[in-house]
């Protein structure tokens, strides 16, 4: 799903493969308590981001979830849970790059990618990572 080529112009028509996710009640309680205290919540990776955003209830707080998601996050998207993210430098046209662009903002992300290219950062799953504030 994450690496499937996007071959539609209208991103709402792209179909992600389903991914099994699980967020247990202890983790839900920690994240919700942090949100209550107005603390930062950092998603470490795109799978964590998709898990958090797939497990949020209508009130903006997490709920325990054990199941499947095919959530495709792309701009514009209003994130409900995390306000920080750690992610790799993803390959062009990937759904992962679209998710990170939705989080960071396209222009800011493209500036980071310009620096990464200039400094010869490694891209992809085992490449360098960035902290998005």
C-alpha atoms as a PDB file:
ATOM      1  CA  UNK A   1       0.000   0.000   0.000  1.00  0.00           C
ATOM      2  CA  UNK A   2       2.650   2.530   1.018  1.00  0.00           C
ATOM      3  CA  UNK A   3       4.774   1.788  -2.021  1.00  0.00           C
ATOM      4  CA  UNK A   4       1.994   1.294  -4.562  1.00  0.00           C
ATOM      5  CA  UNK A   5       2.231   3.746  -7.442  1.00  0.00           C
ATOM      6  CA  UNK A   6      -0.390   6.470  -7.417  1.00  0.00           C
ATOM      7  CA  UNK A   7      -1.835   6.313 -10.913  1.00  0.00           C
ATOM      8  CA  UNK A   8      -4.841   8.617 -10.536  1.00  0.00           C
ATOM      9  CA  UNK A   9      -5.007  12.393 -10.735  1.00  0.00           C
ATOM     10  CA  UNK A  10      -7.806  12.605  -8.183  1.00  0.00           C
ATOM     11  CA  UNK A  11      -6.120  11.395  -4.988  1.00  0.00           C
ATOM     12  CA  UNK A  12      -9.479  10.612  -3.379  1.00  0.00           C
ATOM     13  CA  UNK A  13      -9.751   7.741  -5.883  1.00  0.00           C
ATOM     14  CA  UNK A  14      -6.414   6.118  -4.931  1.00  0.00           C
ATOM     15  CA  UNK A  15      -6.868   2.845  -3.034  1.00  0.00           C
ATOM     16  CA  UNK A  16      -4.400   2.053  -0.277  1.00  0.00           C
ATOM     17  CA  UNK A  17      -3.785  -1.545   0.722  1.00  0.00           C
ATOM     18  CA  UNK A  18      -5.090  -2.331   4.190  1.00  0.00           C
ATOM     19  CA  UNK A  19      -2.593  -2.422   7.033  1.00  0.00           C
ATOM     20  CA  UNK A  20      -3.185  -4.136  10.376  1.00  0.00           C
ATOM     21  CA  UNK A  21      -2.845  -1.741  13.311  1.00  0.00           C
ATOM     22  CA  UNK A  22      -3.198  -2.022  17.062  1.00  0.00           C
ATOM     23  CA  UNK A  23      -3.138   0.655  19.724  1.00  0.00           C
ATOM     24  CA  UNK A  24      -3.632  -0.613  23.247  1.00  0.00           C
ATOM     25  CA  UNK A  25      -5.436   1.148  26.045  1.00  0.00           C
ATOM     26  CA  UNK A  26      -2.241   2.023  27.999  1.00  0.00           C
ATOM     27  CA  UNK A  27      -0.910   3.914  24.973  1.00  0.00           C
ATOM     28  CA  UNK A  28      -4.284   5.559  24.389  1.00  0.00           C
ATOM     29  CA  UNK A  29      -4.309   6.795  27.995  1.00  0.00           C
ATOM     30  CA  UNK A  30      -0.761   8.218  27.725  1.00  0.00           C
ATOM     31  CA  UNK A  31      -1.467  10.085  24.491  1.00  0.00           C
ATOM     32  CA  UNK A  32      -4.836  11.403  25.648  1.00  0.00           C
ATOM     33  CA  UNK A  33      -3.305  12.604  28.942  1.00  0.00           C
ATOM     34  CA  UNK A  34      -0.582  14.409  26.978  1.00  0.00           C
ATOM     35  CA  UNK A  35      -3.223  16.065  24.793  1.00  0.00           C
ATOM     36  CA  UNK A  36      -5.190  17.097  27.907  1.00  0.00           C
ATOM     37  CA  UNK A  37      -2.037  18.753  29.310  1.00  0.00           C
ATOM     38  CA  UNK A  38      -1.344  20.423  25.929  1.00  0.00           C
ATOM     39  CA  UNK A  39       1.946  18.502  25.654  1.00  0.00           C
ATOM     40  CA  UNK A  40       3.478  17.630  22.322  1.00  0.00           C
ATOM     41  CA  UNK A  41       2.656  14.293  20.731  1.00  0.00           C
ATOM     42  CA  UNK A  42       5.242  13.004  18.252  1.00  0.00           C
ATOM     43  CA  UNK A  43       4.463  10.301  15.706  1.00  0.00           C
ATOM     44  CA  UNK A  44       7.621   8.306  15.035  1.00  0.00           C
ATOM     45  CA  UNK A  45       7.165   7.161  11.473  1.00  0.00           C
ATOM     46  CA  UNK A  46       4.364   7.013   8.956  1.00  0.00           C
ATOM     47  CA  UNK A  47       2.891   3.776  10.311  1.00  0.00           C
ATOM     48  CA  UNK A  48       2.525   5.354  13.752  1.00  0.00           C
ATOM     49  CA  UNK A  49       0.988   8.447  12.140  1.00  0.00           C
ATOM     50  CA  UNK A  50      -1.526   6.348  10.206  1.00  0.00           C
ATOM     51  CA  UNK A  51      -2.302   4.322  13.352  1.00  0.00           C
ATOM     52  CA  UNK A  52      -2.916   7.435  15.449  1.00  0.00           C
ATOM     53  CA  UNK A  53      -5.057   9.131  12.828  1.00  0.00           C
ATOM     54  CA  UNK A  54      -7.027   5.928  12.178  1.00  0.00           C
ATOM     55  CA  UNK A  55      -7.757   5.487  15.895  1.00  0.00           C
ATOM     56  CA  UNK A  56      -9.028   8.968  16.718  1.00  0.00           C
ATOM     57  CA  UNK A  57     -12.633   9.500  17.742  1.00  0.00           C
ATOM     58  CA  UNK A  58     -14.837  12.413  16.711  1.00  0.00           C
ATOM     59  CA  UNK A  59     -13.842  14.338  19.858  1.00  0.00           C
ATOM     60  CA  UNK A  60     -10.191  14.357  18.733  1.00  0.00           C
ATOM     61  CA  UNK A  61      -8.968  11.854  21.299  1.00  0.00           C
ATOM     62  CA  UNK A  62      -7.631   8.360  20.723  1.00  0.00           C
ATOM     63  CA  UNK A  63      -9.558   5.201  21.339  1.00  0.00           C
ATOM     64  CA  UNK A  64      -8.242   1.670  21.615  1.00  0.00           C
ATOM     65  CA  UNK A  65      -8.212   0.024  18.201  1.00  0.00           C
ATOM     66  CA  UNK A  66      -7.293  -3.402  16.898  1.00  0.00           C
ATOM     67  CA  UNK A  67      -8.062  -3.881  13.233  1.00  0.00           C
ATOM     68  CA  UNK A  68      -7.308  -2.772   9.698  1.00  0.00           C
ATOM     69  CA  UNK A  69      -6.892   0.632   8.120  1.00  0.00           C
ATOM     70  CA  UNK A  70      -6.507   1.796   4.546  1.00  0.00           C
ATOM     71  CA  UNK A  71      -6.398   5.487   5.477  1.00  0.00           C
ATOM     72  CA  UNK A  72      -4.659   7.577   2.819  1.00  0.00           C
ATOM     73  CA  UNK A  73      -3.420  10.878   4.238  1.00  0.00           C
ATOM     74  CA  UNK A  74      -2.635  13.583   1.694  1.00  0.00           C
ATOM     75  CA  UNK A  75      -2.913  17.396   1.537  1.00  0.00           C
ATOM     76  CA  UNK A  76      -5.018  19.055   2.675  1.00  0.00           C
ATOM     77  CA  UNK A  77      -5.489  17.070   5.861  1.00  0.00           C
ATOM     78  CA  UNK A  78      -6.206  18.260   9.399  1.00  0.00           C
ATOM     79  CA  UNK A  79      -4.247  16.115  11.861  1.00  0.00           C
ATOM     80  CA  UNK A  80      -6.045  15.323  15.099  1.00  0.00           C
ATOM     81  CA  UNK A  81      -3.447  13.775  17.370  1.00  0.00           C
ATOM     82  CA  UNK A  82       0.269  14.446  16.741  1.00  0.00           C
ATOM     83  CA  UNK A  83       1.818  17.870  16.408  1.00  0.00           C
ATOM     84  CA  UNK A  84       5.332  16.535  15.791  1.00  0.00           C
ATOM     85  CA  UNK A  85       6.624  13.819  13.489  1.00  0.00           C
ATOM     86  CA  UNK A  86       9.828  11.917  12.757  1.00  0.00           C
ATOM     87  CA  UNK A  87       9.987  10.504   9.253  1.00  0.00           C
ATOM     88  CA  UNK A  88      12.413   9.382   6.588  1.00  0.00           C
ATOM     89  CA  UNK A  89      13.046  11.307   3.408  1.00  0.00           C
ATOM     90  CA  UNK A  90      10.615   9.521   1.101  1.00  0.00           C
ATOM     91  CA  UNK A  91      10.795   8.883  -2.614  1.00  0.00           C
ATOM     92  CA  UNK A  92       8.997  11.141  -5.126  1.00  0.00           C
ATOM     93  CA  UNK A  93       5.321  10.516  -5.865  1.00  0.00           C
ATOM     94  CA  UNK A  94       4.972   8.107  -2.935  1.00  0.00           C
ATOM     95  CA  UNK A  95       1.976   8.038  -0.612  1.00  0.00           C
ATOM     96  CA  UNK A  96       4.447   8.452   2.250  1.00  0.00           C
ATOM     97  CA  UNK A  97       5.750  11.710   0.786  1.00  0.00           C
ATOM     98  CA  UNK A  98       2.159  12.888   0.409  1.00  0.00           C
ATOM     99  CA  UNK A  99       1.446  12.158   4.073  1.00  0.00           C
ATOM    100  CA  UNK A 100       4.560  13.992   5.245  1.00  0.00           C
ATOM    101  CA  UNK A 101       3.700  16.895   2.928  1.00  0.00           C
ATOM    102  CA  UNK A 102       0.250  17.093   4.490  1.00  0.00           C
ATOM    103  CA  UNK A 103       1.877  17.296   7.920  1.00  0.00           C
ATOM    104  CA  UNK A 104       4.812  19.625   7.237  1.00  0.00           C
ATOM    105  CA  UNK A 105       3.352  21.773   4.489  1.00  0.00           C
ATOM    106  CA  UNK A 106       4.457  21.372   0.892  1.00  0.00           C
ATOM    107  CA  UNK A 107       6.778  24.399   0.622  1.00  0.00           C
ATOM    108  CA  UNK A 108       8.538  23.729   3.917  1.00  0.00           C
ATOM    109  CA  UNK A 109       8.992  20.067   3.037  1.00  0.00           C
ATOM    110  CA  UNK A 110      10.387  20.857  -0.423  1.00  0.00           C
ATOM    111  CA  UNK A 111      12.905  23.222   1.197  1.00  0.00           C
ATOM    112  CA  UNK A 112      14.015  20.380   3.503  1.00  0.00           C
ATOM    113  CA  UNK A 113      14.345  18.103   0.468  1.00  0.00           C
ATOM    114  CA  UNK A 114      16.491  20.685  -1.347  1.00  0.00           C
ATOM    115  CA  UNK A 115      18.857  20.714   1.633  1.00  0.00           C
ATOM    116  CA  UNK A 116      18.797  16.903   1.807  1.00  0.00           C
ATOM    117  CA  UNK A 117      19.735  16.597  -1.869  1.00  0.00           C
ATOM    118  CA  UNK A 118      22.477  19.211  -1.562  1.00  0.00           C
ATOM    119  CA  UNK A 119      23.921  17.511   1.529  1.00  0.00           C
ATOM    120  CA  UNK A 120      23.582  14.033  -0.045  1.00  0.00           C
ATOM    121  CA  UNK A 121      21.203  12.622   2.569  1.00  0.00           C
ATOM    122  CA  UNK A 122      19.993   9.097   1.984  1.00  0.00           C
ATOM    123  CA  UNK A 123      16.359   8.674   0.910  1.00  0.00           C
ATOM    124  CA  UNK A 124      13.950   5.794   1.431  1.00  0.00           C
ATOM    125  CA  UNK A 125      13.159   3.303   4.151  1.00  0.00           C
ATOM    126  CA  UNK A 126      16.719   2.954   5.496  1.00  0.00           C
ATOM    127  CA  UNK A 127      17.770   6.514   4.789  1.00  0.00           C
ATOM    128  CA  UNK A 128      18.123   9.618   6.892  1.00  0.00           C
ATOM    129  CA  UNK A 129      15.242  10.988   8.928  1.00  0.00           C
ATOM    130  CA  UNK A 130      13.893  14.392   9.849  1.00  0.00           C
ATOM    131  CA  UNK A 131      12.044  15.830  12.831  1.00  0.00           C
ATOM    132  CA  UNK A 132       9.080  17.940  11.736  1.00  0.00           C
ATOM    133  CA  UNK A 133       7.999  20.554  14.283  1.00  0.00           C
END
